[in-house]
Amino acid sequence: MSSIELPGPPQLGPPQSYFHCVWIDAAEDEPVEWFDELDALRWSIRCVRKYRDGRLEACSYASENWRAEMPEAPVPPLAMINRDSQFFAKEISKAEFETVWNQANGSAAG
């Protein structure tokens, strides 16, 4: 039985912006908040997902399970996301993203 060689992660540029989105009516087992570090093409470089119970999950292409966790396409523009009343998206600062990233990695290690 031969193994299939899957493509690696996308080629990403340096961080250009930071994104926060709330999914207002997310199902109980779905994340209600997304925090993403984006490159110029809006591909997620690192991301954190927050669940209703407060749990945080951090992921990047360095994660073992990146295929399951990282977005499969660039994050759409804010105006497009905000057209859907289920979502509220905005840009955040690098410092805001880093705070959540560090919290998620601290809780994962703890």
PDB file of N, CA and C in Angstrom:
ATOM      1  N   MET A   1       0.848  -1.181   0.000  1.00  0.00           N
ATOM      2  CA  MET A   1       0.000   0.000   0.000  1.00  0.00           C
ATOM      3  C   MET A   1       0.893   1.244   0.000  1.00  0.00           C
ATOM      4  N   SER A   2       0.746   2.074  -1.012  1.00  0.00           N
ATOM      5  CA  SER A   2       1.575   3.284  -1.082  1.00  0.00           C
ATOM      6  C   SER A   2       0.875   4.434  -0.375  1.00  0.00           C
ATOM      7  N   SER A   3       1.678   5.298   0.194  1.00  0.00           N
ATOM      8  CA  SER A   3       1.089   6.443   0.885  1.00  0.00           C
ATOM      9  C   SER A   3       0.961   7.607  -0.092  1.00  0.00           C
ATOM     10  N   ILE A   4      -0.066   8.393   0.107  1.00  0.00           N
ATOM     11  CA  ILE A   4      -0.302   9.559  -0.737  1.00  0.00           C
ATOM     12  C   ILE A   4       0.403  10.749  -0.123  1.00  0.00           C
ATOM     13  N   GLU A   5       1.166  11.466  -0.921  1.00  0.00           N
ATOM     14  CA  GLU A   5       1.871  12.660  -0.449  1.00  0.00           C
ATOM     15  C   GLU A   5       0.920  13.851  -0.545  1.00  0.00           C
ATOM     16  N   LEU A   6       0.488  14.352   0.586  1.00  0.00           N
ATOM     17  CA  LEU A   6      -0.400  15.510   0.608  1.00  0.00           C
ATOM     18  C   LEU A   6       0.412  16.783   0.493  1.00  0.00           C
ATOM     19  N   PRO A   7      -0.169  17.810  -0.134  1.00  0.00           N
ATOM     20  CA  PRO A   7       0.573  19.075  -0.215  1.00  0.00           C
ATOM     21  C   PRO A   7       0.777  19.679   1.162  1.00  0.00           C
ATOM     22  N   GLY A   8       1.835  20.441   1.284  1.00  0.00           N
ATOM     23  CA  GLY A   8       2.138  21.105   2.547  1.00  0.00           C
ATOM     24  C   GLY A   8       1.278  22.343   2.728  1.00  0.00           C
ATOM     25  N   PRO A   9       1.551  23.100   3.776  1.00  0.00           N
ATOM     26  CA  PRO A   9       0.778  24.320   4.031  1.00  0.00           C
ATOM     27  C   PRO A   9       1.003  25.351   2.929  1.00  0.00           C
ATOM     28  N   PRO A  10       0.094  26.306   2.797  1.00  0.00           N
ATOM     29  CA  PRO A  10       0.265  27.349   1.782  1.00  0.00           C
ATOM     30  C   PRO A  10       1.484  28.214   2.086  1.00  0.00           C
ATOM     31  N   GLN A  11       2.004  28.842   1.057  1.00  0.00           N
ATOM     32  CA  GLN A  11       3.095  29.794   1.235  1.00  0.00           C
ATOM     33  C   GLN A  11       2.488  31.089   1.767  1.00  0.00           C
ATOM     34  N   LEU A  12       2.881  31.488   2.956  1.00  0.00           N
ATOM     35  CA  LEU A  12       2.295  32.652   3.610  1.00  0.00           C
ATOM     36  C   LEU A  12       3.260  33.825   3.608  1.00  0.00           C
ATOM     37  N   GLY A  13       2.692  35.005   3.547  1.00  0.00           N
ATOM     38  CA  GLY A  13       3.496  36.208   3.685  1.00  0.00           C
ATOM     39  C   GLY A  13       3.574  36.609   5.150  1.00  0.00           C
ATOM     40  N   PRO A  14       4.259  37.704   5.437  1.00  0.00           N
ATOM     41  CA  PRO A  14       4.336  38.177   6.826  1.00  0.00           C
ATOM     42  C   PRO A  14       2.980  38.683   7.300  1.00  0.00           C
ATOM     43  N   PRO A  15       2.765  38.733   8.606  1.00  0.00           N
ATOM     44  CA  PRO A  15       1.490  39.238   9.139  1.00  0.00           C
ATOM     45  C   PRO A  15       1.213  40.662   8.654  1.00  0.00           C
ATOM     46  N   GLN A  16      -0.032  40.885   8.219  1.00  0.00           N
ATOM     47  CA  GLN A  16      -0.439  42.202   7.744  1.00  0.00           C
ATOM     48  C   GLN A  16      -1.597  42.781   8.548  1.00  0.00           C
ATOM     49  N   SER A  17      -2.442  41.896   9.114  1.00  0.00           N
ATOM     50  CA  SER A  17      -3.599  42.386   9.858  1.00  0.00           C
ATOM     51  C   SER A  17      -4.062  41.309  10.833  1.00  0.00           C
ATOM     52  N   TYR A  18      -4.958  41.711  11.717  1.00  0.00           N
ATOM     53  CA  TYR A  18      -5.472  40.819  12.760  1.00  0.00           C
ATOM     54  C   TYR A  18      -6.988  40.951  12.760  1.00  0.00           C
ATOM     55  N   PHE A  19      -7.662  39.827  12.959  1.00  0.00           N
ATOM     56  CA  PHE A  19      -9.091  39.714  12.703  1.00  0.00           C
ATOM     57  C   PHE A  19      -9.779  39.096  13.916  1.00  0.00           C
ATOM     58  N   HIS A  20     -10.952  39.602  14.255  1.00  0.00           N
ATOM     59  CA  HIS A  20     -11.788  39.025  15.308  1.00  0.00           C
ATOM     60  C   HIS A  20     -13.204  38.931  14.754  1.00  0.00           C
ATOM     61  N   CYS A  21     -13.835  37.784  14.936  1.00  0.00           N
ATOM     62  CA  CYS A  21     -15.205  37.590  14.465  1.00  0.00           C
ATOM     63  C   CYS A  21     -16.006  36.859  15.527  1.00  0.00           C
ATOM     64  N   VAL A  22     -17.242  37.289  15.723  1.00  0.00           N
ATOM     65  CA  VAL A  22     -18.175  36.620  16.624  1.00  0.00           C
ATOM     66  C   VAL A  22     -19.256  35.975  15.768  1.00  0.00           C
ATOM     67  N   TRP A  23     -19.519  34.683  16.010  1.00  0.00           N
ATOM     68  CA  TRP A  23     -20.610  33.965  15.349  1.00  0.00           C
ATOM     69  C   TRP A  23     -21.750  33.938  16.359  1.00  0.00           C
ATOM     70  N   ILE A  24     -22.746  34.770  16.157  1.00  0.00           N
ATOM     71  CA  ILE A  24     -23.788  35.036  17.150  1.00  0.00           C
ATOM     72  C   ILE A  24     -24.581  33.795  17.527  1.00  0.00           C
ATOM     73  N   ASP A  25     -24.995  33.008  16.563  1.00  0.00           N
ATOM     74  CA  ASP A  25     -25.820  31.821  16.848  1.00  0.00           C
ATOM     75  C   ASP A  25     -25.071  30.514  16.629  1.00  0.00           C
ATOM     76  N   ALA A  26     -23.792  30.498  16.956  1.00  0.00           N
ATOM     77  CA  ALA A  26     -22.998  29.282  16.774  1.00  0.00           C
ATOM     78  C   ALA A  26     -23.582  28.138  17.593  1.00  0.00           C
ATOM     79  N   ALA A  27     -23.513  26.935  17.049  1.00  0.00           N
ATOM     80  CA  ALA A  27     -23.943  25.737  17.777  1.00  0.00           C
ATOM     81  C   ALA A  27     -23.044  25.549  18.996  1.00  0.00           C
ATOM     82  N   GLU A  28     -23.526  24.796  19.965  1.00  0.00           N
ATOM     83  CA  GLU A  28     -22.802  24.598  21.225  1.00  0.00           C
ATOM     84  C   GLU A  28     -21.380  24.073  21.007  1.00  0.00           C
ATOM     85  N   ASP A  29     -21.204  23.197  20.014  1.00  0.00           N
ATOM     86  CA  ASP A  29     -19.886  22.585  19.791  1.00  0.00           C
ATOM     87  C   ASP A  29     -19.035  23.345  18.777  1.00  0.00           C
ATOM     88  N   GLU A  30     -19.513  24.489  18.304  1.00  0.00           N
ATOM     89  CA  GLU A  30     -18.772  25.316  17.351  1.00  0.00           C
ATOM     90  C   GLU A  30     -18.147  26.508  18.071  1.00  0.00           C
ATOM     91  N   PRO A  31     -17.009  27.007  17.559  1.00  0.00           N
ATOM     92  CA  PRO A  31     -16.432  28.207  18.176  1.00  0.00           C
ATOM     93  C   PRO A  31     -17.356  29.405  17.975  1.00  0.00           C
ATOM     94  N   VAL A  32     -17.423  30.262  18.983  1.00  0.00           N
ATOM     95  CA  VAL A  32     -18.246  31.469  18.884  1.00  0.00           C
ATOM     96  C   VAL A  32     -17.409  32.693  18.544  1.00  0.00           C
ATOM     97  N   GLU A  33     -16.094  32.594  18.752  1.00  0.00           N
ATOM     98  CA  GLU A  33     -15.217  33.706  18.406  1.00  0.00           C
ATOM     99  C   GLU A  33     -13.987  33.176  17.683  1.00  0.00           C
ATOM    100  N   TRP A  34     -13.583  33.931  16.657  1.00  0.00           N
ATOM    101  CA  TRP A  34     -12.364  33.631  15.911  1.00  0.00           C
ATOM    102  C   TRP A  34     -11.414  34.804  16.070  1.00  0.00           C
ATOM    103  N   PHE A  35     -10.158  34.479  16.254  1.00  0.00           N
ATOM    104  CA  PHE A  35      -9.081  35.468  16.267  1.00  0.00           C
ATOM    105  C   PHE A  35      -8.037  34.949  15.280  1.00  0.00           C
ATOM    106  N   ASP A  36      -7.682  35.753  14.267  1.00  0.00           N
ATOM    107  CA  ASP A  36      -6.734  35.298  13.262  1.00  0.00           C
ATOM    108  C   ASP A  36      -5.687  36.363  12.965  1.00  0.00           C
ATOM    109  N   GLU A  37      -4.457  35.886  12.763  1.00  0.00           N
ATOM    110  CA  GLU A  37      -3.371  36.706  12.254  1.00  0.00           C
ATOM    111  C   GLU A  37      -3.333  36.428  10.753  1.00  0.00           C
ATOM    112  N   LEU A  38      -3.452  37.485   9.932  1.00  0.00           N
ATOM    113  CA  LEU A  38      -3.600  37.309   8.489  1.00  0.00           C
ATOM    114  C   LEU A  38      -2.433  37.896   7.714  1.00  0.00           C
ATOM    115  N   ASP A  39      -2.091  37.228   6.591  1.00  0.00           N
ATOM    116  CA  ASP A  39      -1.094  37.815   5.696  1.00  0.00           C
ATOM    117  C   ASP A  39      -1.808  38.747   4.708  1.00  0.00           C
ATOM    118  N   ALA A  40      -1.077  39.298   3.735  1.00  0.00           N
ATOM    119  CA  ALA A  40      -1.647  40.284   2.811  1.00  0.00           C
ATOM    120  C   ALA A  40      -2.791  39.705   1.970  1.00  0.00           C
ATOM    121  N   LEU A  41      -2.780  38.399   1.716  1.00  0.00           N
ATOM    122  CA  LEU A  41      -3.852  37.758   0.945  1.00  0.00           C
ATOM    123  C   LEU A  41      -4.970  37.245   1.850  1.00  0.00           C
ATOM    124  N   ARG A  42      -4.894  37.559   3.145  1.00  0.00           N
ATOM    125  CA  ARG A  42      -5.887  37.208   4.176  1.00  0.00           C
ATOM    126  C   ARG A  42      -5.907  35.709   4.509  1.00  0.00           C
ATOM    127  N   TRP A  43      -4.782  35.025   4.258  1.00  0.00           N
ATOM    128  CA  TRP A  43      -4.635  33.660   4.744  1.00  0.00           C
ATOM    129  C   TRP A  43      -4.305  33.743   6.232  1.00  0.00           C
ATOM    130  N   SER A  44      -4.896  32.853   7.004  1.00  0.00           N
ATOM    131  CA  SER A  44      -4.628  32.804   8.434  1.00  0.00           C
ATOM    132  C   SER A  44      -3.249  32.198   8.681  1.00  0.00           C
ATOM    133  N   ILE A  45      -2.428  32.903   9.448  1.00  0.00           N
ATOM    134  CA  ILE A  45      -1.085  32.433   9.803  1.00  0.00           C
ATOM    135  C   ILE A  45      -1.166  31.684  11.139  1.00  0.00           C
ATOM    136  N   ARG A  46      -1.833  32.309  12.099  1.00  0.00           N
ATOM    137  CA  ARG A  46      -2.104  31.691  13.414  1.00  0.00           C
ATOM    138  C   ARG A  46      -3.548  32.024  13.746  1.00  0.00           C
ATOM    139  N   CYS A  47      -4.201  31.127  14.474  1.00  0.00           N
ATOM    140  CA  CYS A  47      -5.590  31.407  14.844  1.00  0.00           C
ATOM    141  C   CYS A  47      -5.895  30.862  16.231  1.00  0.00           C
ATOM    142  N   VAL A  48      -6.903  31.483  16.842  1.00  0.00           N
ATOM    143  CA  VAL A  48      -7.432  31.027  18.130  1.00  0.00           C
ATOM    144  C   VAL A  48      -8.941  30.944  17.971  1.00  0.00           C
ATOM    145  N   ARG A  49      -9.524  29.866  18.482  1.00  0.00           N
ATOM    146  CA  ARG A  49     -10.973  29.699  18.487  1.00  0.00           C
ATOM    147  C   ARG A  49     -11.441  29.657  19.940  1.00  0.00           C
ATOM    148  N   LYS A  50     -12.494  30.429  20.238  1.00  0.00           N
ATOM    149  CA  LYS A  50     -13.053  30.484  21.588  1.00  0.00           C
ATOM    150  C   LYS A  50     -14.448  29.872  21.568  1.00  0.00           C
ATOM    151  N   TYR A  51     -14.718  29.000  22.519  1.00  0.00           N
ATOM    152  CA  TYR A  51     -16.005  28.304  22.620  1.00  0.00           C
ATOM    153  C   TYR A  51     -16.858  28.918  23.723  1.00  0.00           C
ATOM    154  N   ARG A  52     -18.148  28.605  23.709  1.00  0.00           N
ATOM    155  CA  ARG A  52     -19.091  29.160  24.692  1.00  0.00           C
ATOM    156  C   ARG A  52     -18.666  28.908  26.131  1.00  0.00           C
ATOM    157  N   ASP A  53     -18.007  27.760  26.378  1.00  0.00           N
ATOM    158  CA  ASP A  53     -17.579  27.434  27.742  1.00  0.00           C
ATOM    159  C   ASP A  53     -16.291  28.163  28.140  1.00  0.00           C
ATOM    160  N   GLY A  54     -15.774  29.033  27.242  1.00  0.00           N
ATOM    161  CA  GLY A  54     -14.572  29.791  27.543  1.00  0.00           C
ATOM    162  C   GLY A  54     -13.282  29.131  27.089  1.00  0.00           C
ATOM    163  N   ARG A  55     -13.375  27.901  26.628  1.00  0.00           N
ATOM    164  CA  ARG A  55     -12.195  27.161  26.175  1.00  0.00           C
ATOM    165  C   ARG A  55     -11.596  27.848  24.946  1.00  0.00           C
ATOM    166  N   LEU A  56     -10.270  27.898  24.914  1.00  0.00           N
ATOM    167  CA  LEU A  56      -9.550  28.484  23.785  1.00  0.00           C
ATOM    168  C   LEU A  56      -8.711  27.403  23.117  1.00  0.00           C
ATOM    169  N   GLU A  57      -8.708  27.391  21.792  1.00  0.00           N
ATOM    170  CA  GLU A  57      -7.860  26.472  21.034  1.00  0.00           C
ATOM    171  C   GLU A  57      -7.014  27.284  20.076  1.00  0.00           C
ATOM    172  N   ALA A  58      -5.692  27.119  20.157  1.00  0.00           N
ATOM    173  CA  ALA A  58      -4.764  27.813  19.271  1.00  0.00           C
ATOM    174  C   ALA A  58      -4.246  26.844  18.218  1.00  0.00           C
ATOM    175  N   CYS A  59      -4.033  27.358  16.998  1.00  0.00           N
ATOM    176  CA  CYS A  59      -3.514  26.511  15.934  1.00  0.00           C
ATOM    177  C   CYS A  59      -2.708  27.365  14.962  1.00  0.00           C
ATOM    178  N   SER A  60      -1.732  26.742  14.336  1.00  0.00           N
ATOM    179  CA  SER A  60      -0.964  27.372  13.267  1.00  0.00           C
ATOM    180  C   SER A  60      -0.525  26.246  12.337  1.00  0.00           C
ATOM    181  N   TYR A  61       0.163  26.589  11.267  1.00  0.00           N
ATOM    182  CA  TYR A  61       0.640  25.547  10.356  1.00  0.00           C
ATOM    183  C   TYR A  61       1.752  24.726  10.981  1.00  0.00           C
ATOM    184  N   ALA A  62       2.268  25.144  12.130  1.00  0.00           N
ATOM    185  CA  ALA A  62       3.252  24.349  12.860  1.00  0.00           C
ATOM    186  C   ALA A  62       2.568  23.262  13.697  1.00  0.00           C
ATOM    187  N   SER A  63       1.246  23.348  13.864  1.00  0.00           N
ATOM    188  CA  SER A  63       0.499  22.366  14.659  1.00  0.00           C
ATOM    189  C   SER A  63       0.409  21.048  13.901  1.00  0.00           C
ATOM    190  N   GLU A  64       0.454  19.942  14.636  1.00  0.00           N
ATOM    191  CA  GLU A  64       0.350  18.620  14.011  1.00  0.00           C
ATOM    192  C   GLU A  64      -0.954  18.465  13.241  1.00  0.00           C
ATOM    193  N   ASN A  65      -2.043  19.016  13.778  1.00  0.00           N
ATOM    194  CA  ASN A  65      -3.369  18.836  13.179  1.00  0.00           C
ATOM    195  C   ASN A  65      -3.796  20.034  12.327  1.00  0.00           C
ATOM    196  N   TRP A  66      -2.838  20.737  11.720  1.00  0.00           N
ATOM    197  CA  TRP A  66      -3.174  21.961  10.983  1.00  0.00           C
ATOM    198  C   TRP A  66      -4.172  21.714   9.872  1.00  0.00           C
ATOM    199  N   ARG A  67      -4.142  20.543   9.227  1.00  0.00           N
ATOM    200  CA  ARG A  67      -5.100  20.278   8.135  1.00  0.00           C
ATOM    201  C   ARG A  67      -6.536  20.337   8.617  1.00  0.00           C
ATOM    202  N   ALA A  68      -6.780  19.890   9.836  1.00  0.00           N
ATOM    203  CA  ALA A  68      -8.136  19.882  10.389  1.00  0.00           C
ATOM    204  C   ALA A  68      -8.522  21.221  10.992  1.00  0.00           C
ATOM    205  N   GLU A  69      -7.546  21.993  11.442  1.00  0.00           N
ATOM    206  CA  GLU A  69      -7.842  23.195  12.218  1.00  0.00           C
ATOM    207  C   GLU A  69      -7.713  24.518  11.476  1.00  0.00           C
ATOM    208  N   MET A  70      -6.798  24.606  10.533  1.00  0.00           N
ATOM    209  CA  MET A  70      -6.560  25.888   9.865  1.00  0.00           C
ATOM    210  C   MET A  70      -7.601  26.128   8.766  1.00  0.00           C
ATOM    211  N   PRO A  71      -7.989  27.385   8.542  1.00  0.00           N
ATOM    212  CA  PRO A  71      -8.948  27.690   7.489  1.00  0.00           C
ATOM    213  C   PRO A  71      -8.451  27.194   6.131  1.00  0.00           C
ATOM    214  N   GLU A  72      -9.383  26.727   5.296  1.00  0.00           N
ATOM    215  CA  GLU A  72      -9.029  26.163   3.997  1.00  0.00           C
ATOM    216  C   GLU A  72      -8.972  27.208   2.894  1.00  0.00           C
ATOM    217  N   ALA A  73      -9.265  28.448   3.225  1.00  0.00           N
ATOM    218  CA  ALA A  73      -9.271  29.527   2.238  1.00  0.00           C
ATOM    219  C   ALA A  73      -8.954  30.832   2.960  1.00  0.00           C
ATOM    220  N   PRO A  74      -8.617  31.869   2.213  1.00  0.00           N
ATOM    221  CA  PRO A  74      -8.406  33.167   2.857  1.00  0.00           C
ATOM    222  C   PRO A  74      -9.675  33.652   3.564  1.00  0.00           C
ATOM    223  N   VAL A  75      -9.511  34.436   4.606  1.00  0.00           N
ATOM    224  CA  VAL A  75     -10.640  35.033   5.326  1.00  0.00           C
ATOM    225  C   VAL A  75     -11.261  36.109   4.423  1.00  0.00           C
ATOM    226  N   PRO A  76     -12.565  36.059   4.211  1.00  0.00           N
ATOM    227  CA  PRO A  76     -13.193  37.075   3.353  1.00  0.00           C
ATOM    228  C   PRO A  76     -13.042  38.482   3.935  1.00  0.00           C
ATOM    229  N   PRO A  77     -13.209  39.505   3.092  1.00  0.00           N
ATOM    230  CA  PRO A  77     -13.170  40.885   3.592  1.00  0.00           C
ATOM    231  C   PRO A  77     -14.244  41.117   4.660  1.00  0.00           C
ATOM    232  N   LEU A  78     -13.952  42.017   5.593  1.00  0.00           N
ATOM    233  CA  LEU A  78     -14.877  42.300   6.698  1.00  0.00           C
ATOM    234  C   LEU A  78     -16.270  42.667   6.194  1.00  0.00           C
ATOM    235  N   ALA A  79     -16.350  43.495   5.169  1.00  0.00           N
ATOM    236  CA  ALA A  79     -17.659  43.934   4.664  1.00  0.00           C
ATOM    237  C   ALA A  79     -18.494  42.741   4.198  1.00  0.00           C
ATOM    238  N   MET A  80     -17.860  41.765   3.579  1.00  0.00           N
ATOM    239  CA  MET A  80     -18.586  40.578   3.112  1.00  0.00           C
ATOM    240  C   MET A  80     -19.082  39.753   4.304  1.00  0.00           C
ATOM    241  N   ILE A  81     -18.235  39.564   5.303  1.00  0.00           N
ATOM    242  CA  ILE A  81     -18.627  38.794   6.498  1.00  0.00           C
ATOM    243  C   ILE A  81     -19.781  39.499   7.207  1.00  0.00           C
ATOM    244  N   ASN A  82     -19.675  40.804   7.364  1.00  0.00           N
ATOM    245  CA  ASN A  82     -20.674  41.558   8.125  1.00  0.00           C
ATOM    246  C   ASN A  82     -22.008  41.718   7.401  1.00  0.00           C
ATOM    247  N   ARG A  83     -22.086  41.326   6.130  1.00  0.00           N
ATOM    248  CA  ARG A  83     -23.375  41.318   5.430  1.00  0.00           C
ATOM    249  C   ARG A  83     -24.310  40.264   6.012  1.00  0.00           C
ATOM    250  N   ASP A  84     -23.740  39.241   6.629  1.00  0.00           N
ATOM    251  CA  ASP A  84     -24.527  38.163   7.244  1.00  0.00           C
ATOM    252  C   ASP A  84     -24.745  38.524   8.712  1.00  0.00           C
ATOM    253  N   SER A  85     -26.007  38.657   9.106  1.00  0.00           N
ATOM    254  CA  SER A  85     -26.321  39.093  10.472  1.00  0.00           C
ATOM    255  C   SER A  85     -25.901  38.077  11.534  1.00  0.00           C
ATOM    256  N   GLN A  86     -25.492  36.886  11.137  1.00  0.00           N
ATOM    257  CA  GLN A  86     -25.002  35.877  12.080  1.00  0.00           C
ATOM    258  C   GLN A  86     -23.608  36.223  12.610  1.00  0.00           C
ATOM    259  N   PHE A  87     -22.911  37.141  11.910  1.00  0.00           N
ATOM    260  CA  PHE A  87     -21.509  37.406  12.215  1.00  0.00           C
ATOM    261  C   PHE A  87     -21.263  38.885  12.466  1.00  0.00           C
ATOM    262  N   PHE A  88     -20.287  39.145  13.346  1.00  0.00           N
ATOM    263  CA  PHE A  88     -19.788  40.499  13.541  1.00  0.00           C
ATOM    264  C   PHE A  88     -18.266  40.401  13.494  1.00  0.00           C
ATOM    265  N   ALA A  89     -17.674  41.007  12.469  1.00  0.00           N
ATOM    266  CA  ALA A  89     -16.227  40.920  12.282  1.00  0.00           C
ATOM    267  C   ALA A  89     -15.606  42.306  12.319  1.00  0.00           C
ATOM    268  N   LYS A  90     -14.373  42.363  12.850  1.00  0.00           N
ATOM    269  CA  LYS A  90     -13.637  43.629  12.901  1.00  0.00           C
ATOM    270  C   LYS A  90     -12.151  43.334  12.938  1.00  0.00           C
ATOM    271  N   GLU A  91     -11.366  44.348  12.597  1.00  0.00           N
ATOM    272  CA  GLU A  91      -9.921  44.222  12.757  1.00  0.00           C
ATOM    273  C   GLU A  91      -9.571  44.516  14.206  1.00  0.00           C
ATOM    274  N   ILE A  92      -8.531  43.847  14.688  1.00  0.00           N
ATOM    275  CA  ILE A  92      -8.018  44.099  16.038  1.00  0.00           C
ATOM    276  C   ILE A  92      -6.524  44.385  15.919  1.00  0.00           C
ATOM    277  N   SER A  93      -5.932  44.813  17.009  1.00  0.00           N
ATOM    278  CA  SER A  93      -4.500  45.121  16.995  1.00  0.00           C
ATOM    279  C   SER A  93      -3.670  43.852  17.182  1.00  0.00           C
ATOM    280  N   LYS A  94      -2.405  43.942  16.819  1.00  0.00           N
ATOM    281  CA  LYS A  94      -1.471  42.841  17.045  1.00  0.00           C
ATOM    282  C   LYS A  94      -1.427  42.501  18.533  1.00  0.00           C
ATOM    283  N   ALA A  95      -1.422  43.520  19.389  1.00  0.00           N
ATOM    284  CA  ALA A  95      -1.369  43.288  20.837  1.00  0.00           C
ATOM    285  C   ALA A  95      -2.595  42.513  21.318  1.00  0.00           C
ATOM    286  N   GLU A  96      -3.780  42.853  20.802  1.00  0.00           N
ATOM    287  CA  GLU A  96      -5.001  42.124  21.188  1.00  0.00           C
ATOM    288  C   GLU A  96      -4.898  40.660  20.769  1.00  0.00           C
ATOM    289  N   PHE A  97      -4.415  40.423  19.539  1.00  0.00           N
ATOM    290  CA  PHE A  97      -4.264  39.046  19.075  1.00  0.00           C
ATOM    291  C   PHE A  97      -3.256  38.294  19.944  1.00  0.00           C
ATOM    292  N   GLU A  98      -2.112  38.911  20.199  1.00  0.00           N
ATOM    293  CA  GLU A  98      -1.062  38.240  20.981  1.00  0.00           C
ATOM    294  C   GLU A  98      -1.555  37.881  22.381  1.00  0.00           C
ATOM    295  N   THR A  99      -2.376  38.729  22.982  1.00  0.00           N
ATOM    296  CA  THR A  99      -2.926  38.438  24.310  1.00  0.00           C
ATOM    297  C   THR A  99      -3.757  37.158  24.274  1.00  0.00           C
ATOM    298  N   VAL A 100      -4.636  37.054  23.284  1.00  0.00           N
ATOM    299  CA  VAL A 100      -5.487  35.852  23.169  1.00  0.00           C
ATOM    300  C   VAL A 100      -4.649  34.636  22.807  1.00  0.00           C
ATOM    301  N   TRP A 101      -3.670  34.801  21.899  1.00  0.00           N
ATOM    302  CA  TRP A 101      -2.785  33.697  21.510  1.00  0.00           C
ATOM    303  C   TRP A 101      -2.045  33.160  22.730  1.00  0.00           C
ATOM    304  N   ASN A 102      -1.512  34.055  23.535  1.00  0.00           N
ATOM    305  CA  ASN A 102      -0.781  33.635  24.740  1.00  0.00           C
ATOM    306  C   ASN A 102      -1.698  32.967  25.749  1.00  0.00           C
ATOM    307  N   GLN A 103      -2.929  33.482  25.910  1.00  0.00           N
ATOM    308  CA  GLN A 103      -3.895  32.838  26.804  1.00  0.00           C
ATOM    309  C   GLN A 103      -4.203  31.423  26.315  1.00  0.00           C
ATOM    310  N   ALA A 104      -4.419  31.271  25.017  1.00  0.00           N
ATOM    311  CA  ALA A 104      -4.763  29.955  24.462  1.00  0.00           C
ATOM    312  C   ALA A 104      -3.618  28.980  24.634  1.00  0.00           C
ATOM    313  N   ASN A 105      -2.398  29.432  24.422  1.00  0.00           N
ATOM    314  CA  ASN A 105      -1.245  28.538  24.562  1.00  0.00           C
ATOM    315  C   ASN A 105      -0.946  28.242  26.024  1.00  0.00           C
ATOM    316  N   GLY A 106      -1.235  29.199  26.915  1.00  0.00           N
ATOM    317  CA  GLY A 106      -1.066  28.953  28.343  1.00  0.00           C
ATOM    318  C   GLY A 106      -2.072  27.948  28.852  1.00  0.00           C
ATOM    319  N   SER A 107      -3.323  28.057  28.372  1.00  0.00           N
ATOM    320  CA  SER A 107      -4.358  27.111  28.832  1.00  0.00           C
ATOM    321  C   SER A 107      -4.139  25.745  28.222  1.00  0.00           C
ATOM    322  N   ALA A 108      -3.552  25.689  27.009  1.00  0.00           N
ATOM    323  CA  ALA A 108      -3.271  24.394  26.379  1.00  0.00           C
ATOM    324  C   ALA A 108      -2.159  23.654  27.127  1.00  0.00           C
ATOM    325  N   ALA A 109      -1.197  24.416  27.637  1.00  0.00           N
ATOM    326  CA  ALA A 109      -0.083  23.805  28.351  1.00  0.00           C
ATOM    327  C   ALA A 109      -0.464  23.433  29.775  1.00  0.00           C
ATOM    328  N   GLY A 110      -1.509  24.107  30.292  1.00  0.00           N
ATOM    329  CA  GLY A 110      -1.858  23.912  31.681  1.00  0.00           C
ATOM    330  C   GLY A 110      -2.727  22.730  31.886  1.00  0.00           C
TER     331      GLY A 110
END
